[in-house]
PDB file of N, CA and C in Angstrom:
ATOM      1  N   MET A   1      67.266   4.688  85.750  1.00  0.00           N
ATOM      2  CA  MET A   1      68.569   5.323  85.805  1.00  0.00           C
ATOM      3  C   MET A   1      69.005   5.395  87.268  1.00  0.00           C
ATOM      4  N   PRO A   2      70.193   4.925  87.561  1.00  0.00           N
ATOM      5  CA  PRO A   2      70.634   4.949  88.954  1.00  0.00           C
ATOM      6  C   PRO A   2      70.943   6.377  89.398  1.00  0.00           C
ATOM      7  N   SER A   3      70.590   6.679  90.623  1.00  0.00           N
ATOM      8  CA  SER A   3      70.866   8.015  91.146  1.00  0.00           C
ATOM      9  C   SER A   3      72.285   8.071  91.705  1.00  0.00           C
ATOM     10  N   LEU A   4      72.866   9.221  91.604  1.00  0.00           N
ATOM     11  CA  LEU A   4      74.225   9.414  92.108  1.00  0.00           C
ATOM     12  C   LEU A   4      74.196   9.596  93.619  1.00  0.00           C
ATOM     13  N   PRO A   5      75.243   9.223  94.270  1.00  0.00           N
ATOM     14  CA  PRO A   5      75.290   9.471  95.711  1.00  0.00           C
ATOM     15  C   PRO A   5      75.233  10.965  96.004  1.00  0.00           C
ATOM     16  N   VAL A   6      74.692  11.311  97.152  1.00  0.00           N
ATOM     17  CA  VAL A   6      74.511  12.709  97.540  1.00  0.00           C
ATOM     18  C   VAL A   6      75.840  13.442  97.607  1.00  0.00           C
ATOM     19  N   ALA A   7      76.877  12.819  98.108  1.00  0.00           N
ATOM     20  CA  ALA A   7      78.179  13.471  98.246  1.00  0.00           C
ATOM     21  C   ALA A   7      78.742  13.867  96.892  1.00  0.00           C
ATOM     22  N   VAL A   8      78.560  13.019  95.871  1.00  0.00           N
ATOM     23  CA  VAL A   8      79.060  13.331  94.530  1.00  0.00           C
ATOM     24  C   VAL A   8      78.289  14.499  93.945  1.00  0.00           C
ATOM     25  N   THR A   9      76.974  14.531  94.144  1.00  0.00           N
ATOM     26  CA  THR A   9      76.151  15.618  93.618  1.00  0.00           C
ATOM     27  C   THR A   9      76.571  16.948  94.244  1.00  0.00           C
ATOM     28  N   VAL A  10      76.786  16.970  95.521  1.00  0.00           N
ATOM     29  CA  VAL A  10      77.215  18.195  96.197  1.00  0.00           C
ATOM     30  C   VAL A  10      78.587  18.608  95.697  1.00  0.00           C
ATOM     31  N   LYS A  11      79.457  17.640  95.514  1.00  0.00           N
ATOM     32  CA  LYS A  11      80.802  17.941  95.058  1.00  0.00           C
ATOM     33  C   LYS A  11      80.774  18.560  93.660  1.00  0.00           C
ATOM     34  N   ARG A  12      79.966  17.992  92.765  1.00  0.00           N
ATOM     35  CA  ARG A  12      79.857  18.563  91.418  1.00  0.00           C
ATOM     36  C   ARG A  12      79.301  19.981  91.466  1.00  0.00           C
ATOM     37  N   GLY A  13      78.339  20.209  92.342  1.00  0.00           N
ATOM     38  CA  GLY A  13      77.774  21.548  92.476  1.00  0.00           C
ATOM     39  C   GLY A  13      78.809  22.549  92.959  1.00  0.00           C
ATOM     40  N   LEU A  14      79.644  22.132  93.889  1.00  0.00           N
ATOM     41  CA  LEU A  14      80.693  23.024  94.382  1.00  0.00           C
ATOM     42  C   LEU A  14      81.719  23.311  93.303  1.00  0.00           C
ATOM     43  N   VAL A  15      82.079  22.273  92.537  1.00  0.00           N
ATOM     44  CA  VAL A  15      83.048  22.469  91.459  1.00  0.00           C
ATOM     45  C   VAL A  15      82.474  23.399  90.409  1.00  0.00           C
ATOM     46  N   ARG A  16      81.196  23.202  90.061  1.00  0.00           N
ATOM     47  CA  ARG A  16      80.558  24.038  89.057  1.00  0.00           C
ATOM     48  C   ARG A  16      80.498  25.488  89.532  1.00  0.00           C
ATOM     49  N   ALA A  17      80.189  25.692  90.796  1.00  0.00           N
ATOM     50  CA  ALA A  17      80.102  27.051  91.339  1.00  0.00           C
ATOM     51  C   ALA A  17      81.470  27.717  91.380  1.00  0.00           C
ATOM     52  N   ALA A  18      82.493  26.949  91.729  1.00  0.00           N
ATOM     53  CA  ALA A  18      83.835  27.528  91.827  1.00  0.00           C
ATOM     54  C   ALA A  18      84.427  27.799  90.457  1.00  0.00           C
ATOM     55  N   ALA A  19      84.143  26.942  89.484  1.00  0.00           N
ATOM     56  CA  ALA A  19      84.744  27.097  88.166  1.00  0.00           C
ATOM     57  C   ALA A  19      83.921  27.982  87.249  1.00  0.00           C
ATOM     58  N   GLY A  20      82.669  28.237  87.601  1.00  0.00           N
ATOM     59  CA  GLY A  20      81.779  28.989  86.717  1.00  0.00           C
ATOM     60  C   GLY A  20      82.219  30.413  86.502  1.00  0.00           C
ATOM     61  N   ARG A  21      81.853  31.262  87.389  1.00  0.00           N
ATOM     62  CA  ARG A  21      82.199  32.678  87.248  1.00  0.00           C
ATOM     63  C   ARG A  21      83.307  33.030  88.217  1.00  0.00           C
ATOM     64  N   GLN A  22      84.076  33.980  87.797  1.00  0.00           N
ATOM     65  CA  GLN A  22      85.150  34.432  88.667  1.00  0.00           C
ATOM     66  C   GLN A  22      84.538  35.300  89.759  1.00  0.00           C
ATOM     67  N   THR A  23      84.791  34.960  90.983  1.00  0.00           N
ATOM     68  CA  THR A  23      84.216  35.732  92.077  1.00  0.00           C
ATOM     69  C   THR A  23      85.245  36.732  92.581  1.00  0.00           C
ATOM     70  N   ARG A  24      84.764  37.930  92.847  1.00  0.00           N
ATOM     71  CA  ARG A  24      85.634  38.963  93.408  1.00  0.00           C
ATOM     72  C   ARG A  24      85.030  39.433  94.710  1.00  0.00           C
ATOM     73  N   THR A  25      85.863  39.692  95.630  1.00  0.00           N
ATOM     74  CA  THR A  25      85.369  40.181  96.905  1.00  0.00           C
ATOM     75  C   THR A  25      85.201  41.689  96.839  1.00  0.00           C
ATOM     76  N   VAL A  26      84.508  42.219  97.823  1.00  0.00           N
ATOM     77  CA  VAL A  26      84.317  43.667  97.898  1.00  0.00           C
ATOM     78  C   VAL A  26      85.664  44.355  98.038  1.00  0.00           C
ATOM     79  N   HIS A  27      86.587  43.714  98.728  1.00  0.00           N
ATOM     80  CA  HIS A  27      87.917  44.281  98.928  1.00  0.00           C
ATOM     81  C   HIS A  27      88.624  44.487  97.586  1.00  0.00           C
ATOM     82  N   ASP A  28      88.523  43.516  96.665  1.00  0.00           N
ATOM     83  CA  ASP A  28      89.163  43.649  95.355  1.00  0.00           C
ATOM     84  C   ASP A  28      88.593  44.835  94.589  1.00  0.00           C
ATOM     85  N   TRP A  29      87.262  44.981  94.605  1.00  0.00           N
ATOM     86  CA  TRP A  29      86.637  46.076  93.869  1.00  0.00           C
ATOM     87  C   TRP A  29      87.003  47.423  94.479  1.00  0.00           C
ATOM     88  N   SER A  30      87.005  47.496  95.803  1.00  0.00           N
ATOM     89  CA  SER A  30      87.316  48.780  96.433  1.00  0.00           C
ATOM     90  C   SER A  30      88.766  49.173  96.164  1.00  0.00           C
ATOM     91  N   ASP A  31      89.673  48.200  96.120  1.00  0.00           N
ATOM     92  CA  ASP A  31      91.067  48.503  95.777  1.00  0.00           C
ATOM     93  C   ASP A  31      91.165  49.036  94.363  1.00  0.00           C
ATOM     94  N   ARG A  32      90.405  48.429  93.454  1.00  0.00           N
ATOM     95  CA  ARG A  32      90.444  48.863  92.059  1.00  0.00           C
ATOM     96  C   ARG A  32      89.943  50.300  91.931  1.00  0.00           C
ATOM     97  N   PHE A  33      88.824  50.612  92.595  1.00  0.00           N
ATOM     98  CA  PHE A  33      88.278  51.958  92.504  1.00  0.00           C
ATOM     99  C   PHE A  33      89.183  52.965  93.201  1.00  0.00           C
ATOM    100  N   THR A  34      89.781  52.583  94.313  1.00  0.00           N
ATOM    101  CA  THR A  34      90.691  53.477  95.022  1.00  0.00           C
ATOM    102  C   THR A  34      91.907  53.783  94.167  1.00  0.00           C
ATOM    103  N   SER A  35      92.452  52.769  93.512  1.00  0.00           N
ATOM    104  CA  SER A  35      93.623  53.016  92.671  1.00  0.00           C
ATOM    105  C   SER A  35      93.256  53.892  91.483  1.00  0.00           C
ATOM    106  N   LYS A  36      92.044  53.714  90.914  1.00  0.00           N
ATOM    107  CA  LYS A  36      91.601  54.573  89.813  1.00  0.00           C
ATOM    108  C   LYS A  36      91.497  56.016  90.282  1.00  0.00           C
ATOM    109  N   ARG A  37      90.921  56.203  91.459  1.00  0.00           N
ATOM    110  CA  ARG A  37      90.772  57.560  91.988  1.00  0.00           C
ATOM    111  C   ARG A  37      92.129  58.186  92.271  1.00  0.00           C
ATOM    112  N   ASP A  38      93.058  57.383  92.775  1.00  0.00           N
ATOM    113  CA  ASP A  38      94.409  57.887  93.022  1.00  0.00           C
ATOM    114  C   ASP A  38      95.090  58.279  91.716  1.00  0.00           C
ATOM    115  N   GLU A  39      94.885  57.481  90.663  1.00  0.00           N
ATOM    116  CA  GLU A  39      95.459  57.820  89.354  1.00  0.00           C
ATOM    117  C   GLU A  39      94.874  59.125  88.838  1.00  0.00           C
ATOM    118  N   LEU A  40      93.556  59.298  88.973  1.00  0.00           N
ATOM    119  CA  LEU A  40      92.922  60.536  88.521  1.00  0.00           C
ATOM    120  C   LEU A  40      93.416  61.733  89.328  1.00  0.00           C
ATOM    121  N   ALA A  41      93.561  61.562  90.643  1.00  0.00           N
ATOM    122  CA  ALA A  41      94.066  62.655  91.485  1.00  0.00           C
ATOM    123  C   ALA A  41      95.490  63.016  91.085  1.00  0.00           C
ATOM    124  N   ALA A  42      96.318  62.018  90.811  1.00  0.00           N
ATOM    125  CA  ALA A  42      97.693  62.288  90.378  1.00  0.00           C
ATOM    126  C   ALA A  42      97.697  63.008  89.035  1.00  0.00           C
ATOM    127  N   HIS A  43      96.783  62.634  88.144  1.00  0.00           N
ATOM    128  CA  HIS A  43      96.690  63.306  86.841  1.00  0.00           C
ATOM    129  C   HIS A  43      96.314  64.776  87.020  1.00  0.00           C
ATOM    130  N   PHE A  44      95.338  65.054  87.890  1.00  0.00           N
ATOM    131  CA  PHE A  44      94.947  66.441  88.137  1.00  0.00           C
ATOM    132  C   PHE A  44      96.092  67.225  88.758  1.00  0.00           C
ATOM    133  N   ASN A  45      96.806  66.623  89.697  1.00  0.00           N
ATOM    134  CA  ASN A  45      97.925  67.311  90.345  1.00  0.00           C
ATOM    135  C   ASN A  45      99.022  67.644  89.342  1.00  0.00           C
ATOM    136  N   ARG A  46      99.304  66.731  88.417  1.00  0.00           N
ATOM    137  CA  ARG A  46     100.328  67.004  87.393  1.00  0.00           C
ATOM    138  C   ARG A  46      99.892  68.125  86.468  1.00  0.00           C
ATOM    139  N   SER A  47      98.610  68.149  86.114  1.00  0.00           N
ATOM    140  CA  SER A  47      98.149  69.134  85.140  1.00  0.00           C
ATOM    141  C   SER A  47      97.959  70.522  85.745  1.00  0.00           C
ATOM    142  N   LEU A  48      97.823  70.630  87.069  1.00  0.00           N
ATOM    143  CA  LEU A  48      97.603  71.941  87.684  1.00  0.00           C
ATOM    144  C   LEU A  48      98.859  72.794  87.717  1.00  0.00           C
ATOM    145  N   GLY A  49     100.009  72.193  87.894  1.00  0.00           N
ATOM    146  CA  GLY A  49     101.259  72.946  87.876  1.00  0.00           C
ATOM    147  C   GLY A  49     101.533  73.665  89.185  1.00  0.00           C
ATOM    148  N   GLU A  50     101.973  74.938  89.082  1.00  0.00           N
ATOM    149  CA  GLU A  50     102.385  75.711  90.254  1.00  0.00           C
ATOM    150  C   GLU A  50     101.593  77.006  90.331  1.00  0.00           C
ATOM    151  N   ASP A  51     101.516  77.554  91.549  1.00  0.00           N
ATOM    152  CA  ASP A  51     100.843  78.837  91.717  1.00  0.00           C
ATOM    153  C   ASP A  51     101.830  79.980  91.483  1.00  0.00           C
ATOM    154  N   ALA A  52     101.432  81.210  91.797  1.00  0.00           N
ATOM    155  CA  ALA A  52     102.270  82.384  91.545  1.00  0.00           C
ATOM    156  C   ALA A  52     103.550  82.370  92.376  1.00  0.00           C
ATOM    157  N   ASP A  53     103.527  81.736  93.544  1.00  0.00           N
ATOM    158  CA  ASP A  53     104.708  81.672  94.411  1.00  0.00           C
ATOM    159  C   ASP A  53     105.649  80.530  94.042  1.00  0.00           C
ATOM    160  N   GLY A  54     105.281  79.713  93.079  1.00  0.00           N
ATOM    161  CA  GLY A  54     106.117  78.588  92.681  1.00  0.00           C
ATOM    162  C   GLY A  54     105.842  77.315  93.457  1.00  0.00           C
ATOM    163  N   LYS A  55     104.827  77.329  94.313  1.00  0.00           N
ATOM    164  CA  LYS A  55     104.469  76.125  95.069  1.00  0.00           C
ATOM    165  C   LYS A  55     103.514  75.275  94.226  1.00  0.00           C
ATOM    166  N   PRO A  56     103.644  73.966  94.317  1.00  0.00           N
ATOM    167  CA  PRO A  56     102.745  73.119  93.518  1.00  0.00           C
ATOM    168  C   PRO A  56     101.302  73.199  94.026  1.00  0.00           C
ATOM    169  N   ILE A  57     100.370  73.221  93.097  1.00  0.00           N
ATOM    170  CA  ILE A  57      98.948  73.210  93.438  1.00  0.00           C
ATOM    171  C   ILE A  57      98.530  71.751  93.569  1.00  0.00           C
ATOM    172  N   ARG A  58      97.909  71.402  94.678  1.00  0.00           N
ATOM    173  CA  ARG A  58      97.525  70.019  94.959  1.00  0.00           C
ATOM    174  C   ARG A  58      96.027  69.920  95.237  1.00  0.00           C
ATOM    175  N   VAL A  59      95.439  68.819  94.786  1.00  0.00           N
ATOM    176  CA  VAL A  59      94.043  68.514  95.075  1.00  0.00           C
ATOM    177  C   VAL A  59      94.009  67.572  96.268  1.00  0.00           C
ATOM    178  N   ASP A  60      93.278  67.969  97.317  1.00  0.00           N
ATOM    179  CA  ASP A  60      93.083  67.094  98.472  1.00  0.00           C
ATOM    180  C   ASP A  60      91.730  66.411  98.291  1.00  0.00           C
ATOM    181  N   ARG A  61      91.786  65.133  97.960  1.00  0.00           N
ATOM    182  CA  ARG A  61      90.587  64.383  97.627  1.00  0.00           C
ATOM    183  C   ARG A  61      89.656  64.226  98.825  1.00  0.00           C
ATOM    184  N   LYS A  62      90.204  64.039  99.998  1.00  0.00           N
ATOM    185  CA  LYS A  62      89.375  63.771 101.172  1.00  0.00           C
ATOM    186  C   LYS A  62      88.659  65.026 101.664  1.00  0.00           C
ATOM    187  N   ARG A  63      89.365  66.165 101.652  1.00  0.00           N
ATOM    188  CA  ARG A  63      88.748  67.410 102.114  1.00  0.00           C
ATOM    189  C   ARG A  63      88.066  68.162 100.983  1.00  0.00           C
ATOM    190  N   LYS A  64      88.207  67.676  99.741  1.00  0.00           N
ATOM    191  CA  LYS A  64      87.610  68.296  98.547  1.00  0.00           C
ATOM    192  C   LYS A  64      88.058  69.745  98.389  1.00  0.00           C
ATOM    193  N   THR A  65      89.381  69.969  98.520  1.00  0.00           N
ATOM    194  CA  THR A  65      89.931  71.312  98.386  1.00  0.00           C
ATOM    195  C   THR A  65      91.144  71.302  97.470  1.00  0.00           C
ATOM    196  N   VAL A  66      91.509  72.499  97.012  1.00  0.00           N
ATOM    197  CA  VAL A  66      92.709  72.709  96.211  1.00  0.00           C
ATOM    198  C   VAL A  66      93.582  73.686  96.971  1.00  0.00           C
ATOM    199  N   SER A  67      94.859  73.340  97.163  1.00  0.00           N
ATOM    200  CA  SER A  67      95.763  74.246  97.874  1.00  0.00           C
ATOM    201  C   SER A  67      96.358  75.231  96.876  1.00  0.00           C
ATOM    202  N   THR A  68      96.175  76.527  97.133  1.00  0.00           N
ATOM    203  CA  THR A  68      96.710  77.581  96.275  1.00  0.00           C
ATOM    204  C   THR A  68      97.447  78.589  97.145  1.00  0.00           C
ATOM    205  N   SER A  69      98.027  79.617  96.514  1.00  0.00           N
ATOM    206  CA  SER A  69      98.729  80.652  97.278  1.00  0.00           C
ATOM    207  C   SER A  69      97.748  81.471  98.116  1.00  0.00           C
ATOM    208  N   VAL A  70      96.501  81.556  97.697  1.00  0.00           N
ATOM    209  CA  VAL A  70      95.473  82.288  98.441  1.00  0.00           C
ATOM    210  C   VAL A  70      95.025  81.494  99.663  1.00  0.00           C
ATOM    211  N   GLY A  71      95.056  80.194  99.557  1.00  0.00           N
ATOM    212  CA  GLY A  71      94.592  79.310 100.628  1.00  0.00           C
ATOM    213  C   GLY A  71      93.887  78.114 100.009  1.00  0.00           C
ATOM    214  N   ASP A  72      93.252  77.331 100.850  1.00  0.00           N
ATOM    215  CA  ASP A  72      92.518  76.172 100.353  1.00  0.00           C
ATOM    216  C   ASP A  72      91.178  76.620  99.789  1.00  0.00           C
ATOM    217  N   LEU A  73      90.897  76.186  98.569  1.00  0.00           N
ATOM    218  CA  LEU A  73      89.646  76.514  97.902  1.00  0.00           C
ATOM    219  C   LEU A  73      88.886  75.229  97.614  1.00  0.00           C
ATOM    220  N   PRO A  74      87.543  75.282  97.596  1.00  0.00           N
ATOM    221  CA  PRO A  74      86.784  74.076  97.250  1.00  0.00           C
ATOM    222  C   PRO A  74      87.007  73.719  95.777  1.00  0.00           C
ATOM    223  N   ILE A  75      87.020  72.424  95.510  1.00  0.00           N
ATOM    224  CA  ILE A  75      87.273  72.004  94.132  1.00  0.00           C
ATOM    225  C   ILE A  75      85.976  71.909  93.346  1.00  0.00           C
ATOM    226  N   SER A  76      86.115  72.074  92.061  1.00  0.00           N
ATOM    227  CA  SER A  76      85.005  71.909  91.140  1.00  0.00           C
ATOM    228  C   SER A  76      84.722  70.420  90.983  1.00  0.00           C
ATOM    229  N   PRO A  77      83.485  70.024  90.699  1.00  0.00           N
ATOM    230  CA  PRO A  77      83.219  68.606  90.459  1.00  0.00           C
ATOM    231  C   PRO A  77      84.027  68.045  89.294  1.00  0.00           C
ATOM    232  N   ILE A  78      84.413  68.888  88.367  1.00  0.00           N
ATOM    233  CA  ILE A  78      85.214  68.425  87.231  1.00  0.00           C
ATOM    234  C   ILE A  78      86.592  67.983  87.696  1.00  0.00           C
ATOM    235  N   MET A  79      87.105  68.608  88.753  1.00  0.00           N
ATOM    236  CA  MET A  79      88.426  68.251  89.273  1.00  0.00           C
ATOM    237  C   MET A  79      88.364  67.192  90.369  1.00  0.00           C
ATOM    238  N   ASP A  80      87.164  66.791  90.773  1.00  0.00           N
ATOM    239  CA  ASP A  80      87.006  65.806  91.841  1.00  0.00           C
ATOM    240  C   ASP A  80      87.229  64.400  91.279  1.00  0.00           C
ATOM    241  N   PRO A  81      88.253  63.678  91.740  1.00  0.00           N
ATOM    242  CA  PRO A  81      88.518  62.335  91.215  1.00  0.00           C
ATOM    243  C   PRO A  81      87.373  61.359  91.463  1.00  0.00           C
ATOM    244  N   ASP A  82      86.656  61.500  92.584  1.00  0.00           N
ATOM    245  CA  ASP A  82      85.533  60.604  92.864  1.00  0.00           C
ATOM    246  C   ASP A  82      84.414  60.818  91.847  1.00  0.00           C
ATOM    247  N   PHE A  83      84.112  62.087  91.553  1.00  0.00           N
ATOM    248  CA  PHE A  83      83.079  62.408  90.575  1.00  0.00           C
ATOM    249  C   PHE A  83      83.492  61.928  89.188  1.00  0.00           C
ATOM    250  N   LYS A  84      84.749  62.168  88.831  1.00  0.00           N
ATOM    251  CA  LYS A  84      85.252  61.788  87.513  1.00  0.00           C
ATOM    252  C   LYS A  84      85.197  60.272  87.329  1.00  0.00           C
ATOM    253  N   GLU A  85      85.576  59.538  88.369  1.00  0.00           N
ATOM    254  CA  GLU A  85      85.564  58.074  88.284  1.00  0.00           C
ATOM    255  C   GLU A  85      84.133  57.565  88.153  1.00  0.00           C
ATOM    256  N   ALA A  86      83.198  58.179  88.878  1.00  0.00           N
ATOM    257  CA  ALA A  86      81.799  57.760  88.795  1.00  0.00           C
ATOM    258  C   ALA A  86      81.225  58.057  87.419  1.00  0.00           C
ATOM    259  N   ARG A  87      81.639  59.157  86.816  1.00  0.00           N
ATOM    260  CA  ARG A  87      81.162  59.489  85.471  1.00  0.00           C
ATOM    261  C   ARG A  87      81.688  58.514  84.430  1.00  0.00           C
ATOM    262  N   ARG A  88      82.937  58.083  84.578  1.00  0.00           N
ATOM    263  CA  ARG A  88      83.568  57.210  83.589  1.00  0.00           C
ATOM    264  C   ARG A  88      83.194  55.743  83.758  1.00  0.00           C
ATOM    265  N   ARG A  89      82.647  55.375  84.895  1.00  0.00           N
ATOM    266  CA  ARG A  89      82.475  53.967  85.235  1.00  0.00           C
ATOM    267  C   ARG A  89      81.637  53.207  84.216  1.00  0.00           C
ATOM    268  N   TYR A  90      80.545  53.778  83.755  1.00  0.00           N
ATOM    269  CA  TYR A  90      79.625  53.042  82.893  1.00  0.00           C
ATOM    270  C   TYR A  90      79.646  53.515  81.448  1.00  0.00           C
ATOM    271  N   ASN A  91      80.711  54.165  81.022  1.00  0.00           N
ATOM    272  CA  ASN A  91      80.802  54.590  79.627  1.00  0.00           C
ATOM    273  C   ASN A  91      80.896  53.382  78.713  1.00  0.00           C
ATOM    274  N   GLN A  92      80.135  53.421  77.637  1.00  0.00           N
ATOM    275  CA  GLN A  92      80.165  52.353  76.649  1.00  0.00           C
ATOM    276  C   GLN A  92      81.011  52.816  75.469  1.00  0.00           C
ATOM    277  N   PRO A  93      81.754  51.924  74.856  1.00  0.00           N
ATOM    278  CA  PRO A  93      82.513  52.329  73.672  1.00  0.00           C
ATOM    279  C   PRO A  93      81.566  52.664  72.526  1.00  0.00           C
ATOM    280  N   LYS A  94      82.009  53.550  71.655  1.00  0.00           N
ATOM    281  CA  LYS A  94      81.187  53.927  70.512  1.00  0.00           C
ATOM    282  C   LYS A  94      80.983  52.719  69.608  1.00  0.00           C
ATOM    283  N   PRO A  95      79.792  52.595  69.031  1.00  0.00           N
ATOM    284  CA  PRO A  95      79.593  51.469  68.119  1.00  0.00           C
ATOM    285  C   PRO A  95      80.428  51.656  66.857  1.00  0.00           C
ATOM    286  N   LYS A  96      81.031  50.580  66.417  1.00  0.00           N
ATOM    287  CA  LYS A  96      81.859  50.645  65.221  1.00  0.00           C
ATOM    288  C   LYS A  96      80.973  50.514  63.992  1.00  0.00           C
ATOM    289  N   PRO A  97      81.306  51.203  62.906  1.00  0.00           N
ATOM    290  CA  PRO A  97      80.479  51.098  61.701  1.00  0.00           C
ATOM    291  C   PRO A  97      80.540  49.692  61.114  1.00  0.00           C
ATOM    292  N   GLN A  98      79.441  49.317  60.486  1.00  0.00           N
ATOM    293  CA  GLN A  98      79.379  48.007  59.842  1.00  0.00           C
ATOM    294  C   GLN A  98      80.325  47.989  58.649  1.00  0.00           C
ATOM    295  N   LYS A  99      81.011  46.876  58.487  1.00  0.00           N
ATOM    296  CA  LYS A  99      81.906  46.750  57.342  1.00  0.00           C
ATOM    297  C   LYS A  99      81.079  46.477  56.093  1.00  0.00           C
ATOM    298  N   THR A 100      81.439  47.114  55.011  1.00  0.00           N
ATOM    299  CA  THR A 100      80.752  46.869  53.750  1.00  0.00           C
ATOM    300  C   THR A 100      81.234  45.550  53.170  1.00  0.00           C
ATOM    301  N   THR A 101      80.527  45.081  52.160  1.00  0.00           N
ATOM    302  CA  THR A 101      80.909  43.795  51.575  1.00  0.00           C
ATOM    303  C   THR A 101      82.261  43.891  50.885  1.00  0.00           C
ATOM    304  N   ALA A 102      82.494  44.977  50.176  1.00  0.00           N
ATOM    305  CA  ALA A 102      83.791  45.177  49.532  1.00  0.00           C
ATOM    306  C   ALA A 102      84.546  46.239  50.324  1.00  0.00           C
ATOM    307  N   PRO A 103      85.682  45.900  50.925  1.00  0.00           N
ATOM    308  CA  PRO A 103      86.367  46.866  51.787  1.00  0.00           C
ATOM    309  C   PRO A 103      86.892  48.088  51.047  1.00  0.00           C
ATOM    310  N   ASN A 104      87.194  48.003  49.766  1.00  0.00           N
ATOM    311  CA  ASN A 104      87.758  49.135  49.025  1.00  0.00           C
ATOM    312  C   ASN A 104      86.725  49.837  48.155  1.00  0.00           C
ATOM    313  N   SER A 105      85.436  49.524  48.321  1.00  0.00           N
ATOM    314  CA  SER A 105      84.430  50.117  47.443  1.00  0.00           C
ATOM    315  C   SER A 105      84.362  51.630  47.615  1.00  0.00           C
ATOM    316  N   GLY A 106      84.499  52.132  48.849  1.00  0.00           N
ATOM    317  CA  GLY A 106      84.476  53.570  49.080  1.00  0.00           C
ATOM    318  C   GLY A 106      85.686  54.260  48.483  1.00  0.00           C
ATOM    319  N   VAL A 107      86.839  53.601  48.515  1.00  0.00           N
ATOM    320  CA  VAL A 107      88.069  54.173  47.964  1.00  0.00           C
ATOM    321  C   VAL A 107      87.952  54.279  46.448  1.00  0.00           C
ATOM    322  N   LYS A 108      87.425  53.247  45.827  1.00  0.00           N
ATOM    323  CA  LYS A 108      87.277  53.262  44.366  1.00  0.00           C
ATOM    324  C   LYS A 108      86.298  54.342  43.924  1.00  0.00           C
ATOM    325  N   GLU A 109      85.215  54.489  44.668  1.00  0.00           N
ATOM    326  CA  GLU A 109      84.226  55.505  44.316  1.00  0.00           C
ATOM    327  C   GLU A 109      84.819  56.908  44.468  1.00  0.00           C
ATOM    328  N   ARG A 110      85.578  57.124  45.507  1.00  0.00           N
ATOM    329  CA  ARG A 110      86.207  58.427  45.718  1.00  0.00           C
ATOM    330  C   ARG A 110      87.226  58.706  44.617  1.00  0.00           C
ATOM    331  N   LEU A 111      88.005  57.696  44.251  1.00  0.00           N
ATOM    332  CA  LEU A 111      88.986  57.854  43.182  1.00  0.00           C
ATOM    333  C   LEU A 111      88.297  58.189  41.860  1.00  0.00           C
ATOM    334  N   ARG A 112      87.187  57.514  41.583  1.00  0.00           N
ATOM    335  CA  ARG A 112      86.453  57.774  40.347  1.00  0.00           C
ATOM    336  C   ARG A 112      85.958  59.217  40.313  1.00  0.00           C
ATOM    337  N   LYS A 113      85.418  59.703  41.428  1.00  0.00           N
ATOM    338  CA  LYS A 113      84.923  61.082  41.477  1.00  0.00           C
ATOM    339  C   LYS A 113      86.062  62.083  41.300  1.00  0.00           C
ATOM    340  N   LYS A 114      87.192  61.827  41.945  1.00  0.00           N
ATOM    341  CA  LYS A 114      88.334  62.737  41.835  1.00  0.00           C
ATOM    342  C   LYS A 114      88.874  62.767  40.405  1.00  0.00           C
ATOM    343  N   LEU A 115      88.915  61.620  39.756  1.00  0.00           N
ATOM    344  CA  LEU A 115      89.391  61.586  38.369  1.00  0.00           C
ATOM    345  C   LEU A 115      88.445  62.338  37.443  1.00  0.00           C
ATOM    346  N   LEU A 116      87.154  62.256  37.709  1.00  0.00           N
ATOM    347  CA  LEU A 116      86.192  62.992  36.886  1.00  0.00           C
ATOM    348  C   LEU A 116      86.327  64.499  37.099  1.00  0.00           C
ATOM    349  N   GLN A 117      86.695  64.921  38.318  1.00  0.00           N
ATOM    350  CA  GLN A 117      86.849  66.345  38.606  1.00  0.00           C
ATOM    351  C   GLN A 117      88.169  66.897  38.075  1.00  0.00           C
ATOM    352  N   ASN A 118      89.169  66.061  37.921  1.00  0.00           N
ATOM    353  CA  ASN A 118      90.497  66.491  37.503  1.00  0.00           C
ATOM    354  C   ASN A 118      90.524  66.682  35.984  1.00  0.00           C
ATOM    355  N   PRO A 119      90.843  67.893  35.512  1.00  0.00           N
ATOM    356  CA  PRO A 119      90.863  68.105  34.057  1.00  0.00           C
ATOM    357  C   PRO A 119      91.992  67.331  33.364  1.00  0.00           C
ATOM    358  N   TYR A 120      93.033  66.964  34.100  1.00  0.00           N
ATOM    359  CA  TYR A 120      94.148  66.239  33.503  1.00  0.00           C
ATOM    360  C   TYR A 120      94.045  64.728  33.723  1.00  0.00           C
ATOM    361  N   GLY A 121      93.089  64.302  34.514  1.00  0.00           N
ATOM    362  CA  GLY A 121      92.957  62.873  34.793  1.00  0.00           C
ATOM    363  C   GLY A 121      92.148  62.184  33.711  1.00  0.00           C
ATOM    364  N   GLU A 122      92.530  60.966  33.410  1.00  0.00           N
ATOM    365  CA  GLU A 122      91.775  60.172  32.447  1.00  0.00           C
ATOM    366  C   GLU A 122      91.045  59.088  33.210  1.00  0.00           C
ATOM    367  N   TYR A 123      89.742  59.009  32.992  1.00  0.00           N
ATOM    368  CA  TYR A 123      88.950  58.021  33.699  1.00  0.00           C
ATOM    369  C   TYR A 123      88.845  56.768  32.848  1.00  0.00           C
ATOM    370  N   HIS A 124      89.259  55.666  33.435  1.00  0.00           N
ATOM    371  CA  HIS A 124      89.066  54.355  32.825  1.00  0.00           C
ATOM    372  C   HIS A 124      88.268  53.540  33.824  1.00  0.00           C
ATOM    373  N   ASN A 125      87.448  52.678  33.351  1.00  0.00           N
ATOM    374  CA  ASN A 125      86.630  51.867  34.241  1.00  0.00           C
ATOM    375  C   ASN A 125      87.539  50.986  35.090  1.00  0.00           C
ATOM    376  N   ILE A 126      87.518  51.194  36.395  1.00  0.00           N
ATOM    377  CA  ILE A 126      88.416  50.487  37.305  1.00  0.00           C
ATOM    378  C   ILE A 126      87.903  49.084  37.585  1.00  0.00           C
ATOM    379  N   ASP A 127      86.596  48.925  37.661  1.00  0.00           N
ATOM    380  CA  ASP A 127      86.033  47.615  38.034  1.00  0.00           C
ATOM    381  C   ASP A 127      86.269  46.588  37.015  1.00  0.00           C
TER     382      ASP A 127
END
């Protein structure tokens, strides 16, 4: 079997590497996480509302404080956007139940039981 020239082999390797997996730089990931944290901070700020003086309560993410009428207070980890984002990062979706062979089998069984319980219902074999 004839061997391919070295330049072609290198070229195929580069094409395979470039087309294989999508590469993301650290900058792309940090932008994504920063925007998520900003969204969470905005959500907390909207949900906090106003203090007794009518001034809006704000979460300062960098100083880890909440501005109130009393003064700046330290925030709870529950209100910290960085903590919240780290908690949500690796959540897996709940497993979905397996589909039964007959999609309406549970409905028919429930209907049969309800008809048997109903004194005015007449049960006829549905199947």
